[in-house]
C-alpha atoms as a PDB file:
ATOM      1  CA  MET A   1     125.131 144.485 189.255  1.00  0.00           C
ATOM      2  CA  SER A   2     123.554 142.703 186.196  1.00  0.00           C
ATOM      3  CA  THR A   3     122.958 144.148 182.905  1.00  0.00           C
ATOM      4  CA  ILE A   4     119.945 143.840 180.951  1.00  0.00           C
ATOM      5  CA  ASP A   5     120.305 142.899 177.435  1.00  0.00           C
ATOM      6  CA  PHE A   6     117.305 144.941 175.616  1.00  0.00           C
ATOM      7  CA  LYS A   7     118.206 143.817 172.337  1.00  0.00           C
ATOM      8  CA  LYS A   8     118.069 140.027 172.824  1.00  0.00           C
ATOM      9  CA  SER A   9     114.702 140.715 174.859  1.00  0.00           C
ATOM     10  CA  TYR A  10     113.049 142.802 172.253  1.00  0.00           C
ATOM     11  CA  LEU A  11     114.332 139.878 169.594  1.00  0.00           C
ATOM     12  CA  ILE A  12     112.389 137.251 172.172  1.00  0.00           C
ATOM     13  CA  GLN A  13     109.282 139.190 172.140  1.00  0.00           C
ATOM     14  CA  GLN A  14     109.151 139.878 168.555  1.00  0.00           C
ATOM     15  CA  GLU A  15     109.722 136.200 167.898  1.00  0.00           C
ATOM     16  CA  ILE A  16     106.697 135.180 170.331  1.00  0.00           C
ATOM     17  CA  TYR A  17     104.637 137.675 168.823  1.00  0.00           C
ATOM     18  CA  ASN A  18     105.186 136.825 165.603  1.00  0.00           C
ATOM     19  CA  GLN A  19     104.066 133.197 166.345  1.00  0.00           C
ATOM     20  CA  PRO A  20     100.455 131.964 164.835  1.00  0.00           C
ATOM     21  CA  LEU A  21      97.770 132.345 167.255  1.00  0.00           C
ATOM     22  CA  PRO A  22      96.802 128.447 167.983  1.00  0.00           C
ATOM     23  CA  VAL A  23      93.635 127.482 166.252  1.00  0.00           C
ATOM     24  CA  ARG A  24      90.491 126.415 167.515  1.00  0.00           C
ATOM     25  CA  GLU A  25      88.601 123.850 165.058  1.00  0.00           C
ATOM     26  CA  ARG A  26      85.143 123.213 165.152  1.00  0.00           C
ATOM     27  CA  THR A  27      82.850 120.998 162.855  1.00  0.00           C
ATOM     28  CA  THR A  28      81.036 123.658 160.637  1.00  0.00           C
ATOM     29  CA  GLN A  29      79.896 120.983 158.233  1.00  0.00           C
ATOM     30  CA  PRO A  30      79.942 117.261 158.049  1.00  0.00           C
ATOM     31  CA  ILE A  31      82.377 115.647 155.643  1.00  0.00           C
ATOM     32  CA  HIS A  32      81.773 111.974 155.806  1.00  0.00           C
ATOM     33  CA  THR A  33      78.243 111.422 156.049  1.00  0.00           C
ATOM     34  CA  GLY A  34      75.833 108.845 156.320  1.00  0.00           C
ATOM     35  CA  SER A  35      72.022 108.924 154.882  1.00  0.00           C
ATOM     36  CA  SER A  36      68.773 108.296 156.621  1.00  0.00           C
ATOM     37  CA  VAL A  37      68.076 106.119 159.555  1.00  0.00           C
ATOM     38  CA  ILE A  38      64.682 104.529 160.298  1.00  0.00           C
ATOM     39  CA  GLY A  39      62.720 102.581 163.063  1.00  0.00           C
ATOM     40  CA  ILE A  40      59.491 101.256 164.167  1.00  0.00           C
ATOM     41  CA  LYS A  41      58.031  99.292 167.318  1.00  0.00           C
ATOM     42  CA  PHE A  42      56.443  96.373 166.922  1.00  0.00           C
ATOM     43  CA  ALA A  43      54.151  94.165 169.148  1.00  0.00           C
ATOM     44  CA  GLU A  44      57.216  92.285 171.185  1.00  0.00           C
ATOM     45  CA  GLY A  45      59.977  95.064 170.457  1.00  0.00           C
ATOM     46  CA  VAL A  46      61.842  97.786 168.360  1.00  0.00           C
ATOM     47  CA  MET A  47      63.177  97.684 164.691  1.00  0.00           C
ATOM     48  CA  ILE A  48      65.573 100.216 163.005  1.00  0.00           C
ATOM     49  CA  ALA A  49      67.730 100.324 159.642  1.00  0.00           C
ATOM     50  CA  THR A  50      69.966 102.116 157.764  1.00  0.00           C
ATOM     51  CA  ASP A  51      72.344 101.485 154.659  1.00  0.00           C
ATOM     52  CA  THR A  52      75.911 100.823 154.661  1.00  0.00           C
ATOM     53  CA  GLN A  53      77.236 103.903 152.754  1.00  0.00           C
ATOM     54  CA  ILE A  54      79.351 106.779 153.792  1.00  0.00           C
ATOM     55  CA  SER A  55      79.338 109.738 151.428  1.00  0.00           C
ATOM     56  CA  TYR A  56      82.253 112.244 151.024  1.00  0.00           C
ATOM     57  CA  GLY A  57      80.301 115.171 149.305  1.00  0.00           C
ATOM     58  CA  SER A  58      78.245 113.267 146.664  1.00  0.00           C
ATOM     59  CA  LEU A  59      80.906 110.742 146.455  1.00  0.00           C
ATOM     60  CA  ALA A  60      79.783 107.238 147.176  1.00  0.00           C
ATOM     61  CA  GLN A  61      83.288 106.649 148.985  1.00  0.00           C
ATOM     62  CA  PHE A  62      82.800 103.876 151.716  1.00  0.00           C
ATOM     63  CA  ARG A  63      79.878 101.400 150.924  1.00  0.00           C
ATOM     64  CA  SER A  64      79.988  99.011 153.520  1.00  0.00           C
ATOM     65  CA  ILE A  65      80.368 100.337 156.883  1.00  0.00           C
ATOM     66  CA  GLN A  66      78.117  99.487 159.795  1.00  0.00           C
ATOM     67  CA  ARG A  67      76.268 102.409 161.432  1.00  0.00           C
ATOM     68  CA  ILE A  68      74.126 100.470 163.770  1.00  0.00           C
ATOM     69  CA  HIS A  69      75.641  99.407 167.067  1.00  0.00           C
ATOM     70  CA  THR A  70      74.516  97.235 170.303  1.00  0.00           C
ATOM     71  CA  PHE A  71      74.683  98.772 173.636  1.00  0.00           C
ATOM     72  CA  GLY A  72      74.494  95.788 176.577  1.00  0.00           C
ATOM     73  CA  ASN A  73      72.197  93.321 175.523  1.00  0.00           C
ATOM     74  CA  ARG A  74      68.847  95.575 175.292  1.00  0.00           C
ATOM     75  CA  THR A  75      70.076  98.302 173.424  1.00  0.00           C
ATOM     76  CA  LEU A  76      70.752  99.348 169.905  1.00  0.00           C
ATOM     77  CA  ILE A  77      71.882 103.013 168.681  1.00  0.00           C
ATOM     78  CA  ALA A  78      72.313 104.514 165.227  1.00  0.00           C
ATOM     79  CA  ALA A  79      73.157 107.905 163.589  1.00  0.00           C
ATOM     80  CA  SER A  80      73.108 109.618 160.263  1.00  0.00           C
ATOM     81  CA  GLY A  81      75.506 112.778 159.689  1.00  0.00           C
ATOM     82  CA  GLU A  82      79.307 112.944 160.212  1.00  0.00           C
ATOM     83  CA  TYR A  83      80.356 109.467 160.833  1.00  0.00           C
ATOM     84  CA  SER A  84      83.694 110.322 162.786  1.00  0.00           C
ATOM     85  CA  ASP A  85      81.284 112.497 165.347  1.00  0.00           C
ATOM     86  CA  PHE A  86      79.401 109.264 165.446  1.00  0.00           C
ATOM     87  CA  GLN A  87      82.799 107.307 165.974  1.00  0.00           C
ATOM     88  CA  PHE A  88      83.768 109.849 168.884  1.00  0.00           C
ATOM     89  CA  LEU A  89      80.432 109.189 170.342  1.00  0.00           C
ATOM     90  CA  LEU A  90      80.757 105.543 170.373  1.00  0.00           C
ATOM     91  CA  ASP A  91      83.842 105.591 172.223  1.00  0.00           C
ATOM     92  CA  GLY A  92      82.614 107.646 174.820  1.00  0.00           C
ATOM     93  CA  ILE A  93      79.225 105.101 174.896  1.00  0.00           C
ATOM     94  CA  ARG A  94      81.947 102.204 175.070  1.00  0.00           C
ATOM     95  CA  ALA A  95      83.580 103.697 178.317  1.00  0.00           C
ATOM     96  CA  LEU A  96      80.412 104.362 179.977  1.00  0.00           C
ATOM     97  CA  GLU A  97      79.736 100.612 179.191  1.00  0.00           C
ATOM     98  CA  THR A  98      82.557  99.442 180.464  1.00  0.00           C
ATOM     99  CA  THR A  99      82.115 101.587 183.690  1.00  0.00           C
ATOM    100  CA  ASP A 100      78.544 100.149 183.988  1.00  0.00           C
ATOM    101  CA  ILE A 101      80.014  96.732 183.893  1.00  0.00           C
ATOM    102  CA  CYS A 102      82.573  97.462 186.783  1.00  0.00           C
ATOM    103  CA  HIS A 103      79.890  98.411 189.188  1.00  0.00           C
ATOM    104  CA  ASP A 104      78.874  94.865 189.203  1.00  0.00           C
ATOM    105  CA  ASP A 105      76.022  95.806 190.904  1.00  0.00           C
ATOM    106  CA  GLY A 106      72.995  93.600 189.039  1.00  0.00           C
ATOM    107  CA  LYS A 107      71.985  96.664 186.773  1.00  0.00           C
ATOM    108  CA  ARG A 108      72.463  97.798 183.227  1.00  0.00           C
ATOM    109  CA  ILE A 109      71.510 101.316 181.633  1.00  0.00           C
ATOM    110  CA  SER A 110      69.002 100.899 180.204  1.00  0.00           C
ATOM    111  CA  ALA A 111      67.639 102.420 176.600  1.00  0.00           C
ATOM    112  CA  PRO A 112      65.568 105.404 177.944  1.00  0.00           C
ATOM    113  CA  GLU A 113      68.869 106.047 180.387  1.00  0.00           C
ATOM    114  CA  LEU A 114      71.482 106.090 177.465  1.00  0.00           C
ATOM    115  CA  HIS A 115      68.927 108.051 175.467  1.00  0.00           C
ATOM    116  CA  SER A 116      69.269 110.652 178.281  1.00  0.00           C
ATOM    117  CA  TRP A 117      72.774 110.460 178.257  1.00  0.00           C
ATOM    118  CA  VAL A 118      73.302 111.327 174.537  1.00  0.00           C
ATOM    119  CA  THR A 119      71.319 114.000 175.038  1.00  0.00           C
ATOM    120  CA  ARG A 120      73.334 115.903 177.546  1.00  0.00           C
ATOM    121  CA  VAL A 121      76.383 114.919 175.512  1.00  0.00           C
ATOM    122  CA  MET A 122      74.847 116.418 172.431  1.00  0.00           C
ATOM    123  CA  GLY A 123      73.946 119.330 174.094  1.00  0.00           C
ATOM    124  CA  GLN A 124      77.080 119.930 175.985  1.00  0.00           C
ATOM    125  CA  ASN A 125      78.925 120.009 172.761  1.00  0.00           C
ATOM    126  CA  ARG A 126      76.302 122.305 171.105  1.00  0.00           C
ATOM    127  CA  ALA A 127      76.798 124.714 174.077  1.00  0.00           C
ATOM    128  CA  LYS A 128      80.435 124.952 173.402  1.00  0.00           C
ATOM    129  CA  MET A 129      79.941 125.602 169.458  1.00  0.00           C
ATOM    130  CA  ASN A 130      81.415 122.285 168.660  1.00  0.00           C
ATOM    131  CA  PRO A 131      78.058 119.819 167.809  1.00  0.00           C
ATOM    132  CA  LEU A 132      78.302 116.179 167.066  1.00  0.00           C
ATOM    133  CA  TRP A 133      77.201 116.381 163.529  1.00  0.00           C
ATOM    134  CA  ASN A 134      74.952 113.764 164.051  1.00  0.00           C
ATOM    135  CA  TYR A 135      70.977 112.683 164.052  1.00  0.00           C
ATOM    136  CA  ILE A 136      70.611 109.505 166.666  1.00  0.00           C
ATOM    137  CA  LEU A 137      68.093 107.167 167.176  1.00  0.00           C
ATOM    138  CA  ILE A 138      68.310 104.781 169.861  1.00  0.00           C
ATOM    139  CA  ALA A 139      66.061 101.596 170.376  1.00  0.00           C
ATOM    140  CA  GLY A 140      65.436  99.267 173.148  1.00  0.00           C
ATOM    141  CA  VAL A 141      63.394  97.125 175.371  1.00  0.00           C
ATOM    142  CA  ASP A 142      63.195  98.109 179.378  1.00  0.00           C
ATOM    143  CA  LYS A 143      61.122  96.355 181.833  1.00  0.00           C
ATOM    144  CA  ASN A 144      59.001  94.946 178.689  1.00  0.00           C
ATOM    145  CA  ARG A 145      58.575  98.025 177.851  1.00  0.00           C
ATOM    146  CA  SER A 146      59.772  99.051 173.955  1.00  0.00           C
ATOM    147  CA  PHE A 147      61.423 102.400 173.855  1.00  0.00           C
ATOM    148  CA  LEU A 148      62.302 104.452 170.158  1.00  0.00           C
ATOM    149  CA  GLY A 149      63.925 107.510 170.647  1.00  0.00           C
ATOM    150  CA  TYR A 150      65.602 110.522 168.823  1.00  0.00           C
ATOM    151  CA  VAL A 151      68.176 113.183 169.491  1.00  0.00           C
ATOM    152  CA  ASP A 152      69.822 115.393 167.110  1.00  0.00           C
ATOM    153  CA  LEU A 153      72.844 117.541 167.065  1.00  0.00           C
ATOM    154  CA  VAL A 154      71.561 120.296 169.390  1.00  0.00           C
ATOM    155  CA  GLY A 155      70.447 118.383 171.995  1.00  0.00           C
ATOM    156  CA  THR A 156      66.263 118.159 170.665  1.00  0.00           C
ATOM    157  CA  ASN A 157      65.133 114.759 171.656  1.00  0.00           C
ATOM    158  CA  PHE A 158      61.604 112.755 171.937  1.00  0.00           C
ATOM    159  CA  GLU A 159      60.413 109.412 171.417  1.00  0.00           C
ATOM    160  CA  ASP A 160      57.624 108.126 169.146  1.00  0.00           C
ATOM    161  CA  ASN A 161      56.467 104.330 167.775  1.00  0.00           C
ATOM    162  CA  THR A 162      57.964 105.406 164.264  1.00  0.00           C
ATOM    163  CA  LEU A 163      61.075 107.874 163.950  1.00  0.00           C
ATOM    164  CA  ALA A 164      63.461 108.448 160.912  1.00  0.00           C
ATOM    165  CA  THR A 165      66.256 110.785 160.354  1.00  0.00           C
ATOM    166  CA  GLY A 166      67.568 112.630 157.560  1.00  0.00           C
ATOM    167  CA  LEU A 167      65.573 112.671 154.252  1.00  0.00           C
ATOM    168  CA  GLY A 168      63.942 109.414 156.012  1.00  0.00           C
ATOM    169  CA  ASP A 169      61.842 112.105 157.873  1.00  0.00           C
ATOM    170  CA  TYR A 170      60.205 113.221 154.698  1.00  0.00           C
ATOM    171  CA  ILE A 171      59.688 110.053 152.330  1.00  0.00           C
ATOM    172  CA  ALA A 172      60.091 107.460 154.927  1.00  0.00           C
ATOM    173  CA  ARG A 173      58.122 108.567 158.052  1.00  0.00           C
ATOM    174  CA  PRO A 174      54.950 108.978 156.426  1.00  0.00           C
ATOM    175  CA  LEU A 175      55.128 105.320 155.190  1.00  0.00           C
ATOM    176  CA  LEU A 176      56.235 103.972 158.875  1.00  0.00           C
ATOM    177  CA  ARG A 177      53.145 105.647 160.595  1.00  0.00           C
ATOM    178  CA  LYS A 178      50.651 104.101 157.951  1.00  0.00           C
ATOM    179  CA  ALA A 179      51.962 101.142 158.473  1.00  0.00           C
ATOM    180  CA  TRP A 180      52.451 101.044 162.236  1.00  0.00           C
ATOM    181  CA  ARG A 181      49.718  99.245 164.937  1.00  0.00           C
ATOM    182  CA  PRO A 182      50.189  98.136 167.979  1.00  0.00           C
ATOM    183  CA  ASP A 183      49.978  94.501 166.981  1.00  0.00           C
ATOM    184  CA  LEU A 184      52.393  94.766 164.413  1.00  0.00           C
ATOM    185  CA  THR A 185      54.577  91.514 164.004  1.00  0.00           C
ATOM    186  CA  GLU A 186      58.036  91.519 163.863  1.00  0.00           C
ATOM    187  CA  GLN A 187      57.881  90.011 160.101  1.00  0.00           C
ATOM    188  CA  GLU A 188      55.755  92.566 159.386  1.00  0.00           C
ATOM    189  CA  ALA A 189      57.574  95.285 160.806  1.00  0.00           C
ATOM    190  CA  ARG A 190      60.973  94.173 159.209  1.00  0.00           C
ATOM    191  CA  LYS A 191      58.949  94.042 155.768  1.00  0.00           C
ATOM    192  CA  THR A 192      58.048  97.673 156.272  1.00  0.00           C
ATOM    193  CA  LEU A 193      61.740  98.877 156.910  1.00  0.00           C
ATOM    194  CA  GLU A 194      63.207  96.881 153.963  1.00  0.00           C
ATOM    195  CA  ASP A 195      60.152  98.573 151.744  1.00  0.00           C
ATOM    196  CA  CYS A 196      60.757 102.274 153.197  1.00  0.00           C
ATOM    197  CA  MET A 197      64.780 101.492 152.526  1.00  0.00           C
ATOM    198  CA  ARG A 198      63.969 100.452 148.956  1.00  0.00           C
ATOM    199  CA  VAL A 199      62.153 103.826 148.611  1.00  0.00           C
ATOM    200  CA  LEU A 200      64.847 105.861 150.074  1.00  0.00           C
ATOM    201  CA  PHE A 201      67.659 104.050 147.416  1.00  0.00           C
ATOM    202  CA  TYR A 202      65.172 105.438 144.856  1.00  0.00           C
ATOM    203  CA  ARG A 203      64.790 108.440 146.180  1.00  0.00           C
ATOM    204  CA  ASP A 204      67.886 109.580 147.999  1.00  0.00           C
ATOM    205  CA  ALA A 205      70.918 110.137 146.105  1.00  0.00           C
ATOM    206  CA  ARG A 206      73.260 109.535 148.917  1.00  0.00           C
ATOM    207  CA  ALA A 207      71.486 105.953 149.840  1.00  0.00           C
ATOM    208  CA  ILE A 208      71.801 102.560 148.263  1.00  0.00           C
ATOM    209  CA  ASN A 209      70.504  99.064 148.400  1.00  0.00           C
ATOM    210  CA  LYS A 210      72.718  97.229 150.641  1.00  0.00           C
ATOM    211  CA  ILE A 211      71.271  97.749 154.714  1.00  0.00           C
ATOM    212  CA  GLN A 212      71.759  96.482 158.042  1.00  0.00           C
ATOM    213  CA  ILE A 213      68.467  96.221 160.128  1.00  0.00           C
ATOM    214  CA  GLY A 214      68.356  95.784 163.799  1.00  0.00           C
ATOM    215  CA  THR A 215      66.196  94.248 166.362  1.00  0.00           C
ATOM    216  CA  VAL A 216      65.442  94.297 169.754  1.00  0.00           C
ATOM    217  CA  THR A 217      63.300  92.466 171.939  1.00  0.00           C
ATOM    218  CA  ALA A 218      63.091  91.071 176.204  1.00  0.00           C
ATOM    219  CA  THR A 219      64.933  88.172 174.751  1.00  0.00           C
ATOM    220  CA  LYS A 220      67.331  88.973 171.929  1.00  0.00           C
ATOM    221  CA  CYS A 221      69.303  92.450 170.615  1.00  0.00           C
ATOM    222  CA  GLU A 222      70.682  91.509 167.047  1.00  0.00           C
ATOM    223  CA  ILE A 223      71.944  93.081 164.204  1.00  0.00           C
ATOM    224  CA  SER A 224      71.599  91.342 160.578  1.00  0.00           C
ATOM    225  CA  GLU A 225      74.382  90.564 158.227  1.00  0.00           C
ATOM    226  CA  PRO A 226      74.234  93.391 155.286  1.00  0.00           C
ATOM    227  CA  ILE A 227      71.155  92.641 152.999  1.00  0.00           C
ATOM    228  CA  LEU A 228      71.237  93.671 149.627  1.00  0.00           C
ATOM    229  CA  LEU A 229      67.252  94.623 148.552  1.00  0.00           C
ATOM    230  CA  ASP A 230      65.790  93.735 145.377  1.00  0.00           C
ATOM    231  CA  THR A 231      64.705  96.609 143.079  1.00  0.00           C
ATOM    232  CA  THR A 232      63.331  97.486 139.748  1.00  0.00           C
ATOM    233  CA  TRP A 233      63.174 100.589 138.086  1.00  0.00           C
ATOM    234  CA  ILE A 234      60.863  99.967 135.097  1.00  0.00           C
END
């Protein structure tokens, strides 16, 4: 008959019980953040703009980070908020894009469909009490219809002719609404975005005057090289 070494068993149990419990990490506040994203529809398509700065708290740590990305050849996506969460979301979007291409069915996911997908992802992570700390704009042209949509970290979503995130929602949005009209030209839309980003540079301590502008129409989907805005403090 086998005997049980109760002392050894007791010591093993004590060693197990004294181990720290596994910690579940949650994003409770953003760390590396990007500031406002703004967008406006014009007659032929949609245009969005961001600056290129990522701040570590109040420290302007990275000053040449691209926050606008393409999806397929008819959609743009940009985000403010926690940049690592946006990178995580982009990984999922790239996987979705690869799957879409591999289907090889002559169809591509449109901007409204991507907006719906991102809304579900943001809502799912919120339901897990681990939100992706981002405020996202998605722009595109689908069947000659311009689309500009917004999604936030809890899955709130809507679309409009003009949109902005962050401090831009308070400062730039009124300027965008004032400038928008159905027959707005591409040149006028670009000037409006540049003027708004210049105002944000003056008023937002987390913004800089180095920006990128993304443009999507029925014939093109492009992101500009970084632009240095002219500014004056007089």
